[in-house]
Amino acid sequence: MAAAVEKYHDEQGIIWPESIAPYKVNIVPVNIDD
């Protein structure tokens, strides 16, 4: 995992290869109260 993070990242953070991503999709409701 450390090797993957070192190879696949940018200034924003990790860019997981799809094959080892902890989750493939993150759903973000901007306002959960809406």
PDB file of all heavy atoms in Angstrom:
ATOM      1  N   MET A   1       0.836  -1.204   0.000  1.00  0.00           N
ATOM      2  CA  MET A   1       0.000   0.000   0.000  1.00  0.00           C
ATOM      3  C   MET A   1       0.872   1.257   0.000  1.00  0.00           C
ATOM      4  O   MET A   1       0.593   2.214  -0.718  1.00  0.00           O
ATOM      5  CB  MET A   1      -0.943  -0.003   1.192  1.00  0.00           C
ATOM      6  CG  MET A   1      -2.017  -1.064   1.090  1.00  0.00           C
ATOM      7  SD  MET A   1      -3.105  -1.101   2.505  1.00  0.00           S
ATOM      8  CE  MET A   1      -3.973   0.432   2.287  1.00  0.00           C
ATOM      9  N   ALA A   2       1.929   1.242   0.805  1.00  0.00           N
ATOM     10  CA  ALA A   2       2.831   2.401   0.853  1.00  0.00           C
ATOM     11  C   ALA A   2       3.475   2.637  -0.508  1.00  0.00           C
ATOM     12  O   ALA A   2       3.614   3.784  -0.950  1.00  0.00           O
ATOM     13  CB  ALA A   2       3.895   2.194   1.928  1.00  0.00           C
ATOM     14  N   ALA A   3       3.840   1.566  -1.184  1.00  0.00           N
ATOM     15  CA  ALA A   3       4.436   1.696  -2.518  1.00  0.00           C
ATOM     16  C   ALA A   3       3.431   2.298  -3.499  1.00  0.00           C
ATOM     17  O   ALA A   3       3.779   3.161  -4.313  1.00  0.00           O
ATOM     18  CB  ALA A   3       4.922   0.334  -3.016  1.00  0.00           C
ATOM     19  N   ALA A   4       2.178   1.845  -3.409  1.00  0.00           N
ATOM     20  CA  ALA A   4       1.137   2.387  -4.295  1.00  0.00           C
ATOM     21  C   ALA A   4       0.909   3.868  -4.024  1.00  0.00           C
ATOM     22  O   ALA A   4       0.793   4.670  -4.956  1.00  0.00           O
ATOM     23  CB  ALA A   4      -0.169   1.608  -4.119  1.00  0.00           C
ATOM     24  N   VAL A   5       0.879   4.243  -2.754  1.00  0.00           N
ATOM     25  CA  VAL A   5       0.675   5.660  -2.402  1.00  0.00           C
ATOM     26  C   VAL A   5       1.843   6.510  -2.896  1.00  0.00           C
ATOM     27  O   VAL A   5       1.646   7.603  -3.418  1.00  0.00           O
ATOM     28  CB  VAL A   5       0.464   5.831  -0.877  1.00  0.00           C
ATOM     29  CG1 VAL A   5       0.489   7.301  -0.489  1.00  0.00           C
ATOM     30  CG2 VAL A   5      -0.839   5.191  -0.446  1.00  0.00           C
ATOM     31  N   GLU A   6       3.058   5.977  -2.756  1.00  0.00           N
ATOM     32  CA  GLU A   6       4.215   6.738  -3.219  1.00  0.00           C
ATOM     33  C   GLU A   6       4.190   6.928  -4.726  1.00  0.00           C
ATOM     34  O   GLU A   6       4.561   7.968  -5.238  1.00  0.00           O
ATOM     35  CB  GLU A   6       5.513   6.041  -2.801  1.00  0.00           C
ATOM     36  CG  GLU A   6       6.729   6.890  -3.094  1.00  0.00           C
ATOM     37  CD  GLU A   6       7.979   6.404  -2.406  1.00  0.00           C
ATOM     38  OE1 GLU A   6       7.911   6.044  -1.222  1.00  0.00           O
ATOM     39  OE2 GLU A   6       9.028   6.383  -3.072  1.00  0.00           O
ATOM     40  N   LYS A   7       3.729   5.926  -5.436  1.00  0.00           N
ATOM     41  CA  LYS A   7       3.689   6.010  -6.896  1.00  0.00           C
ATOM     42  C   LYS A   7       2.480   6.796  -7.402  1.00  0.00           C
ATOM     43  O   LYS A   7       2.574   7.517  -8.374  1.00  0.00           O
ATOM     44  CB  LYS A   7       3.687   4.611  -7.501  1.00  0.00           C
ATOM     45  CG  LYS A   7       3.626   4.612  -9.013  1.00  0.00           C
ATOM     46  CD  LYS A   7       4.247   3.393  -9.603  1.00  0.00           C
ATOM     47  CE  LYS A   7       4.166   3.339 -11.102  1.00  0.00           C
ATOM     48  NZ  LYS A   7       4.879   4.350 -11.806  1.00  0.00           N
ATOM     49  N   TYR A   8       1.324   6.627  -6.736  1.00  0.00           N
ATOM     50  CA  TYR A   8       0.080   7.214  -7.233  1.00  0.00           C
ATOM     51  C   TYR A   8      -0.444   8.277  -6.268  1.00  0.00           C
ATOM     52  O   TYR A   8      -1.277   8.009  -5.417  1.00  0.00           O
ATOM     53  CB  TYR A   8      -0.986   6.124  -7.424  1.00  0.00           C
ATOM     54  CG  TYR A   8      -0.556   5.037  -8.371  1.00  0.00           C
ATOM     55  CD1 TYR A   8      -0.180   3.780  -7.889  1.00  0.00           C
ATOM     56  CD2 TYR A   8      -0.504   5.259  -9.737  1.00  0.00           C
ATOM     57  CE1 TYR A   8       0.228   2.784  -8.763  1.00  0.00           C
ATOM     58  CE2 TYR A   8      -0.102   4.262 -10.606  1.00  0.00           C
ATOM     59  CZ  TYR A   8       0.265   3.028 -10.114  1.00  0.00           C
ATOM     60  OH  TYR A   8       0.672   2.042 -10.972  1.00  0.00           O
ATOM     61  N   HIS A   9       0.031   9.476  -6.435  1.00  0.00           N
ATOM     62  CA  HIS A   9      -0.430  10.589  -5.610  1.00  0.00           C
ATOM     63  C   HIS A   9      -0.162  11.899  -6.353  1.00  0.00           C
ATOM     64  O   HIS A   9       0.555  11.924  -7.348  1.00  0.00           O
ATOM     65  CB  HIS A   9       0.295  10.608  -4.260  1.00  0.00           C
ATOM     66  CG  HIS A   9       1.725  11.023  -4.360  1.00  0.00           C
ATOM     67  ND1 HIS A   9       2.725  10.154  -4.770  1.00  0.00           N
ATOM     68  CD2 HIS A   9       2.323  12.216  -4.150  1.00  0.00           C
ATOM     69  CE1 HIS A   9       3.874  10.805  -4.800  1.00  0.00           C
ATOM     70  NE2 HIS A   9       3.664  12.049  -4.436  1.00  0.00           N
ATOM     71  N   ASP A  10      -0.763  12.954  -5.859  1.00  0.00           N
ATOM     72  CA  ASP A  10      -0.451  14.294  -6.323  1.00  0.00           C
ATOM     73  C   ASP A  10      -0.503  15.214  -5.114  1.00  0.00           C
ATOM     74  O   ASP A  10      -0.582  14.741  -3.972  1.00  0.00           O
ATOM     75  CB  ASP A  10      -1.395  14.743  -7.455  1.00  0.00           C
ATOM     76  CG  ASP A  10      -2.858  14.801  -7.058  1.00  0.00           C
ATOM     77  OD1 ASP A  10      -3.164  14.777  -5.834  1.00  0.00           O
ATOM     78  OD2 ASP A  10      -3.709  14.884  -7.953  1.00  0.00           O
ATOM     79  N   GLU A  11      -0.488  16.507  -5.342  1.00  0.00           N
ATOM     80  CA  GLU A  11      -0.461  17.458  -4.220  1.00  0.00           C
ATOM     81  C   GLU A  11      -1.754  17.445  -3.399  1.00  0.00           C
ATOM     82  O   GLU A  11      -1.779  17.904  -2.266  1.00  0.00           O
ATOM     83  CB  GLU A  11      -0.154  18.884  -4.702  1.00  0.00           C
ATOM     84  CG  GLU A  11      -1.140  19.449  -5.699  1.00  0.00           C
ATOM     85  CD  GLU A  11      -0.947  18.972  -7.140  1.00  0.00           C
ATOM     86  OE1 GLU A  11       0.087  18.347  -7.446  1.00  0.00           O
ATOM     87  OE2 GLU A  11      -1.851  19.212  -7.937  1.00  0.00           O
ATOM     88  N   GLN A  12      -2.835  16.848  -3.956  1.00  0.00           N
ATOM     89  CA  GLN A  12      -4.110  16.774  -3.227  1.00  0.00           C
ATOM     90  C   GLN A  12      -4.200  15.547  -2.326  1.00  0.00           C
ATOM     91  O   GLN A  12      -4.983  15.524  -1.391  1.00  0.00           O
ATOM     92  CB  GLN A  12      -5.293  16.724  -4.203  1.00  0.00           C
ATOM     93  CG  GLN A  12      -5.297  17.762  -5.295  1.00  0.00           C
ATOM     94  CD  GLN A  12      -5.208  19.184  -4.810  1.00  0.00           C
ATOM     95  OE1 GLN A  12      -5.835  19.528  -3.816  1.00  0.00           O
ATOM     96  NE2 GLN A  12      -4.432  19.993  -5.481  1.00  0.00           N
ATOM     97  N   GLY A  13      -3.433  14.502  -2.650  1.00  0.00           N
ATOM     98  CA  GLY A  13      -3.490  13.270  -1.862  1.00  0.00           C
ATOM     99  C   GLY A  13      -3.284  12.039  -2.717  1.00  0.00           C
ATOM    100  O   GLY A  13      -2.644  12.081  -3.757  1.00  0.00           O
ATOM    101  N   ILE A  14      -3.856  10.942  -2.270  1.00  0.00           N
ATOM    102  CA  ILE A  14      -3.701   9.645  -2.928  1.00  0.00           C
ATOM    103  C   ILE A  14      -4.583   9.585  -4.174  1.00  0.00           C
ATOM    104  O   ILE A  14      -5.656  10.177  -4.223  1.00  0.00           O
ATOM    105  CB  ILE A  14      -4.120   8.507  -1.963  1.00  0.00           C
ATOM    106  CG1 ILE A  14      -3.320   8.578  -0.658  1.00  0.00           C
ATOM    107  CG2 ILE A  14      -3.954   7.138  -2.618  1.00  0.00           C
ATOM    108  CD1 ILE A  14      -3.875   7.700   0.452  1.00  0.00           C
ATOM    109  N   ILE A  15      -4.120   8.837  -5.166  1.00  0.00           N
ATOM    110  CA  ILE A  15      -4.932   8.504  -6.342  1.00  0.00           C
ATOM    111  C   ILE A  15      -4.879   6.981  -6.444  1.00  0.00           C
ATOM    112  O   ILE A  15      -4.020   6.421  -7.119  1.00  0.00           O
ATOM    113  CB  ILE A  15      -4.387   9.159  -7.628  1.00  0.00           C
ATOM    114  CG1 ILE A  15      -4.276  10.666  -7.467  1.00  0.00           C
ATOM    115  CG2 ILE A  15      -5.273   8.794  -8.820  1.00  0.00           C
ATOM    116  CD1 ILE A  15      -3.560  11.366  -8.614  1.00  0.00           C
ATOM    117  N   TRP A  16      -5.768   6.301  -5.720  1.00  0.00           N
ATOM    118  CA  TRP A  16      -5.720   4.840  -5.676  1.00  0.00           C
ATOM    119  C   TRP A  16      -5.957   4.240  -7.051  1.00  0.00           C
ATOM    120  O   TRP A  16      -6.894   4.625  -7.742  1.00  0.00           O
ATOM    121  CB  TRP A  16      -6.800   4.281  -4.751  1.00  0.00           C
ATOM    122  CG  TRP A  16      -6.535   4.433  -3.309  1.00  0.00           C
ATOM    123  CD1 TRP A  16      -7.221   5.211  -2.436  1.00  0.00           C
ATOM    124  CD2 TRP A  16      -5.505   3.797  -2.539  1.00  0.00           C
ATOM    125  NE1 TRP A  16      -6.684   5.096  -1.175  1.00  0.00           N
ATOM    126  CE2 TRP A  16      -5.637   4.234  -1.212  1.00  0.00           C
ATOM    127  CE3 TRP A  16      -4.486   2.893  -2.852  1.00  0.00           C
ATOM    128  CZ2 TRP A  16      -4.791   3.805  -0.196  1.00  0.00           C
ATOM    129  CZ3 TRP A  16      -3.638   2.464  -1.843  1.00  0.00           C
ATOM    130  CH2 TRP A  16      -3.789   2.914  -0.536  1.00  0.00           C
ATOM    131  N   PRO A  17      -5.146   3.269  -7.433  1.00  0.00           N
ATOM    132  CA  PRO A  17      -5.515   2.468  -8.608  1.00  0.00           C
ATOM    133  C   PRO A  17      -6.829   1.756  -8.267  1.00  0.00           C
ATOM    134  O   PRO A  17      -7.025   1.322  -7.122  1.00  0.00           O
ATOM    135  CB  PRO A  17      -4.372   1.461  -8.734  1.00  0.00           C
ATOM    136  CG  PRO A  17      -3.223   2.069  -7.977  1.00  0.00           C
ATOM    137  CD  PRO A  17      -3.844   2.878  -6.884  1.00  0.00           C
ATOM    138  N   GLU A  18      -7.711   1.648  -9.208  1.00  0.00           N
ATOM    139  CA  GLU A  18      -9.031   1.077  -8.940  1.00  0.00           C
ATOM    140  C   GLU A  18      -8.950  -0.311  -8.304  1.00  0.00           C
ATOM    141  O   GLU A  18      -9.772  -0.664  -7.465  1.00  0.00           O
ATOM    142  CB  GLU A  18      -9.844   1.007 -10.229  1.00  0.00           C
ATOM    143  CG  GLU A  18     -10.197   2.385 -10.754  1.00  0.00           C
ATOM    144  CD  GLU A  18     -10.785   2.358 -12.153  1.00  0.00           C
ATOM    145  OE1 GLU A  18     -11.074   1.265 -12.677  1.00  0.00           O
ATOM    146  OE2 GLU A  18     -10.942   3.448 -12.720  1.00  0.00           O
ATOM    147  N   SER A  19      -7.943  -1.090  -8.677  1.00  0.00           N
ATOM    148  CA  SER A  19      -7.858  -2.471  -8.191  1.00  0.00           C
ATOM    149  C   SER A  19      -7.607  -2.571  -6.689  1.00  0.00           C
ATOM    150  O   SER A  19      -7.920  -3.591  -6.081  1.00  0.00           O
ATOM    151  CB  SER A  19      -6.757  -3.224  -8.941  1.00  0.00           C
ATOM    152  OG  SER A  19      -5.510  -2.577  -8.743  1.00  0.00           O
ATOM    153  N   ILE A  20      -7.052  -1.522  -6.069  1.00  0.00           N
ATOM    154  CA  ILE A  20      -6.768  -1.594  -4.628  1.00  0.00           C
ATOM    155  C   ILE A  20      -7.398  -0.459  -3.828  1.00  0.00           C
ATOM    156  O   ILE A  20      -7.115  -0.300  -2.648  1.00  0.00           O
ATOM    157  CB  ILE A  20      -5.245  -1.655  -4.343  1.00  0.00           C
ATOM    158  CG1 ILE A  20      -4.518  -0.414  -4.872  1.00  0.00           C
ATOM    159  CG2 ILE A  20      -4.650  -2.934  -4.896  1.00  0.00           C
ATOM    160  CD1 ILE A  20      -3.060  -0.334  -4.456  1.00  0.00           C
ATOM    161  N   ALA A  21      -8.267   0.306  -4.452  1.00  0.00           N
ATOM    162  CA  ALA A  21      -8.937   1.404  -3.743  1.00  0.00           C
ATOM    163  C   ALA A  21      -9.814   0.842  -2.630  1.00  0.00           C
ATOM    164  O   ALA A  21     -10.503  -0.162  -2.832  1.00  0.00           O
ATOM    165  CB  ALA A  21      -9.793   2.215  -4.714  1.00  0.00           C
ATOM    166  N   PRO A  22      -9.816   1.477  -1.448  1.00  0.00           N
ATOM    167  CA  PRO A  22     -10.657   0.980  -0.358  1.00  0.00           C
ATOM    168  C   PRO A  22     -12.151   1.013  -0.709  1.00  0.00           C
ATOM    169  O   PRO A  22     -12.907   0.140  -0.293  1.00  0.00           O
ATOM    170  CB  PRO A  22     -10.346   1.902   0.810  1.00  0.00           C
ATOM    171  CG  PRO A  22      -9.648   3.076   0.232  1.00  0.00           C
ATOM    172  CD  PRO A  22      -9.062   2.656  -1.077  1.00  0.00           C
ATOM    173  N   TYR A  23     -12.552   2.003  -1.450  1.00  0.00           N
ATOM    174  CA  TYR A  23     -13.891   2.109  -2.027  1.00  0.00           C
ATOM    175  C   TYR A  23     -13.716   2.694  -3.412  1.00  0.00           C
ATOM    176  O   TYR A  23     -12.846   3.529  -3.641  1.00  0.00           O
ATOM    177  CB  TYR A  23     -14.807   3.033  -1.207  1.00  0.00           C
ATOM    178  CG  TYR A  23     -15.169   2.467   0.142  1.00  0.00           C
ATOM    179  CD1 TYR A  23     -14.428   2.795   1.274  1.00  0.00           C
ATOM    180  CD2 TYR A  23     -16.252   1.596   0.283  1.00  0.00           C
ATOM    181  CE1 TYR A  23     -14.754   2.271   2.511  1.00  0.00           C
ATOM    182  CE2 TYR A  23     -16.581   1.072   1.517  1.00  0.00           C
ATOM    183  CZ  TYR A  23     -15.832   1.407   2.633  1.00  0.00           C
ATOM    184  OH  TYR A  23     -16.147   0.884   3.848  1.00  0.00           O
ATOM    185  N   LYS A  24     -14.560   2.304  -4.337  1.00  0.00           N
ATOM    186  CA  LYS A  24     -14.446   2.812  -5.710  1.00  0.00           C
ATOM    187  C   LYS A  24     -15.119   4.171  -5.877  1.00  0.00           C
ATOM    188  O   LYS A  24     -14.681   4.994  -6.656  1.00  0.00           O
ATOM    189  CB  LYS A  24     -15.074   1.835  -6.705  1.00  0.00           C
ATOM    190  CG  LYS A  24     -14.590   0.402  -6.598  1.00  0.00           C
ATOM    191  CD  LYS A  24     -13.125   0.256  -6.894  1.00  0.00           C
ATOM    192  CE  LYS A  24     -12.742  -1.205  -6.990  1.00  0.00           C
ATOM    193  NZ  LYS A  24     -11.812  -1.669  -6.021  1.00  0.00           N
ATOM    194  N   VAL A  25     -16.216   4.371  -5.132  1.00  0.00           N
ATOM    195  CA  VAL A  25     -17.029   5.573  -5.313  1.00  0.00           C
ATOM    196  C   VAL A  25     -17.317   6.210  -3.962  1.00  0.00           C
ATOM    197  O   VAL A  25     -17.641   5.522  -2.997  1.00  0.00           O
ATOM    198  CB  VAL A  25     -18.371   5.235  -6.012  1.00  0.00           C
ATOM    199  CG1 VAL A  25     -19.227   6.483  -6.193  1.00  0.00           C
ATOM    200  CG2 VAL A  25     -18.129   4.542  -7.346  1.00  0.00           C
ATOM    201  N   ASN A  26     -17.191   7.536  -3.921  1.00  0.00           N
ATOM    202  CA  ASN A  26     -17.562   8.320  -2.745  1.00  0.00           C
ATOM    203  C   ASN A  26     -18.713   9.227  -3.150  1.00  0.00           C
ATOM    204  O   ASN A  26     -18.570  10.056  -4.051  1.00  0.00           O
ATOM    205  CB  ASN A  26     -16.375   9.149  -2.262  1.00  0.00           C
ATOM    206  CG  ASN A  26     -16.686   9.978  -1.041  1.00  0.00           C
ATOM    207  OD1 ASN A  26     -17.602   9.686  -0.293  1.00  0.00           O
ATOM    208  ND2 ASN A  26     -15.916  11.025  -0.834  1.00  0.00           N
ATOM    209  N   ILE A  27     -19.848   9.061  -2.492  1.00  0.00           N
ATOM    210  CA  ILE A  27     -21.001   9.926  -2.761  1.00  0.00           C
ATOM    211  C   ILE A  27     -20.999  11.035  -1.718  1.00  0.00           C
ATOM    212  O   ILE A  27     -20.951  10.765  -0.511  1.00  0.00           O
ATOM    213  CB  ILE A  27     -22.321   9.139  -2.716  1.00  0.00           C
ATOM    214  CG1 ILE A  27     -22.302   8.060  -3.805  1.00  0.00           C
ATOM    215  CG2 ILE A  27     -23.513  10.081  -2.882  1.00  0.00           C
ATOM    216  CD1 ILE A  27     -23.467   7.119  -3.757  1.00  0.00           C
ATOM    217  N   VAL A  28     -21.039  12.269  -2.186  1.00  0.00           N
ATOM    218  CA  VAL A  28     -20.973  13.435  -1.299  1.00  0.00           C
ATOM    219  C   VAL A  28     -22.212  14.300  -1.468  1.00  0.00           C
ATOM    220  O   VAL A  28     -22.315  15.062  -2.430  1.00  0.00           O
ATOM    221  CB  VAL A  28     -19.706  14.279  -1.579  1.00  0.00           C
ATOM    222  CG1 VAL A  28     -19.671  15.499  -0.671  1.00  0.00           C
ATOM    223  CG2 VAL A  28     -18.442  13.447  -1.419  1.00  0.00           C
ATOM    224  N   PRO A  29     -23.171  14.178  -0.537  1.00  0.00           N
ATOM    225  CA  PRO A  29     -24.260  15.157  -0.532  1.00  0.00           C
ATOM    226  C   PRO A  29     -23.718  16.459   0.069  1.00  0.00           C
ATOM    227  O   PRO A  29     -23.179  16.450   1.169  1.00  0.00           O
ATOM    228  CB  PRO A  29     -25.326  14.512   0.355  1.00  0.00           C
ATOM    229  CG  PRO A  29     -24.599  13.504   1.195  1.00  0.00           C
ATOM    230  CD  PRO A  29     -23.349  13.131   0.458  1.00  0.00           C
ATOM    231  N   VAL A  30     -23.829  17.553  -0.676  1.00  0.00           N
ATOM    232  CA  VAL A  30     -23.276  18.830  -0.211  1.00  0.00           C
ATOM    233  C   VAL A  30     -23.933  19.251   1.095  1.00  0.00           C
ATOM    234  O   VAL A  30     -23.272  19.639   2.043  1.00  0.00           O
ATOM    235  CB  VAL A  30     -23.422  19.918  -1.296  1.00  0.00           C
ATOM    236  CG1 VAL A  30     -23.034  21.290  -0.752  1.00  0.00           C
ATOM    237  CG2 VAL A  30     -22.545  19.559  -2.501  1.00  0.00           C
ATOM    238  N   ASN A  31     -25.253  19.160   1.150  1.00  0.00           N
ATOM    239  CA  ASN A  31     -25.995  19.542   2.348  1.00  0.00           C
ATOM    240  C   ASN A  31     -26.888  18.369   2.745  1.00  0.00           C
ATOM    241  O   ASN A  31     -27.954  18.172   2.164  1.00  0.00           O
ATOM    242  CB  ASN A  31     -26.831  20.798   2.084  1.00  0.00           C
ATOM    243  CG  ASN A  31     -27.627  21.231   3.290  1.00  0.00           C
ATOM    244  OD1 ASN A  31     -27.592  20.602   4.347  1.00  0.00           O
ATOM    245  ND2 ASN A  31     -28.381  22.317   3.129  1.00  0.00           N
ATOM    246  N   ILE A  32     -26.452  17.597   3.704  1.00  0.00           N
ATOM    247  CA  ILE A  32     -27.177  16.395   4.121  1.00  0.00           C
ATOM    248  C   ILE A  32     -28.556  16.740   4.684  1.00  0.00           C
ATOM    249  O   ILE A  32     -29.460  15.905   4.690  1.00  0.00           O
ATOM    250  CB  ILE A  32     -26.344  15.552   5.116  1.00  0.00           C
ATOM    251  CG1 ILE A  32     -26.905  14.123   5.242  1.00  0.00           C
ATOM    252  CG2 ILE A  32     -26.250  16.224   6.461  1.00  0.00           C
ATOM    253  CD1 ILE A  32     -26.774  13.293   4.009  1.00  0.00           C
ATOM    254  N   ASP A  33     -28.737  17.988   5.119  1.00  0.00           N
ATOM    255  CA  ASP A  33     -30.036  18.408   5.653  1.00  0.00           C
ATOM    256  C   ASP A  33     -31.040  18.772   4.556  1.00  0.00           C
ATOM    257  O   ASP A  33     -32.227  18.908   4.826  1.00  0.00           O
ATOM    258  CB  ASP A  33     -29.862  19.593   6.610  1.00  0.00           C
ATOM    259  CG  ASP A  33     -29.069  19.205   7.845  1.00  0.00           C
ATOM    260  OD1 ASP A  33     -29.182  18.036   8.283  1.00  0.00           O
ATOM    261  OD2 ASP A  33     -28.320  20.056   8.366  1.00  0.00           O
ATOM    262  N   ASP A  34     -30.557  18.925   3.316  1.00  0.00           N
ATOM    263  CA  ASP A  34     -31.444  19.199   2.193  1.00  0.00           C
ATOM    264  C   ASP A  34     -32.124  17.883   1.804  1.00  0.00           C
ATOM    265  O   ASP A  34     -31.453  16.900   1.483  1.00  0.00           O
ATOM    266  CB  ASP A  34     -30.648  19.761   1.013  1.00  0.00           C
ATOM    267  CG  ASP A  34     -31.509  20.065  -0.189  1.00  0.00           C
ATOM    268  OD1 ASP A  34     -31.893  19.083  -0.887  1.00  0.00           O
ATOM    269  OD2 ASP A  34     -31.793  21.242  -0.448  1.00  0.00           O
TER     270      ASP A  34
END
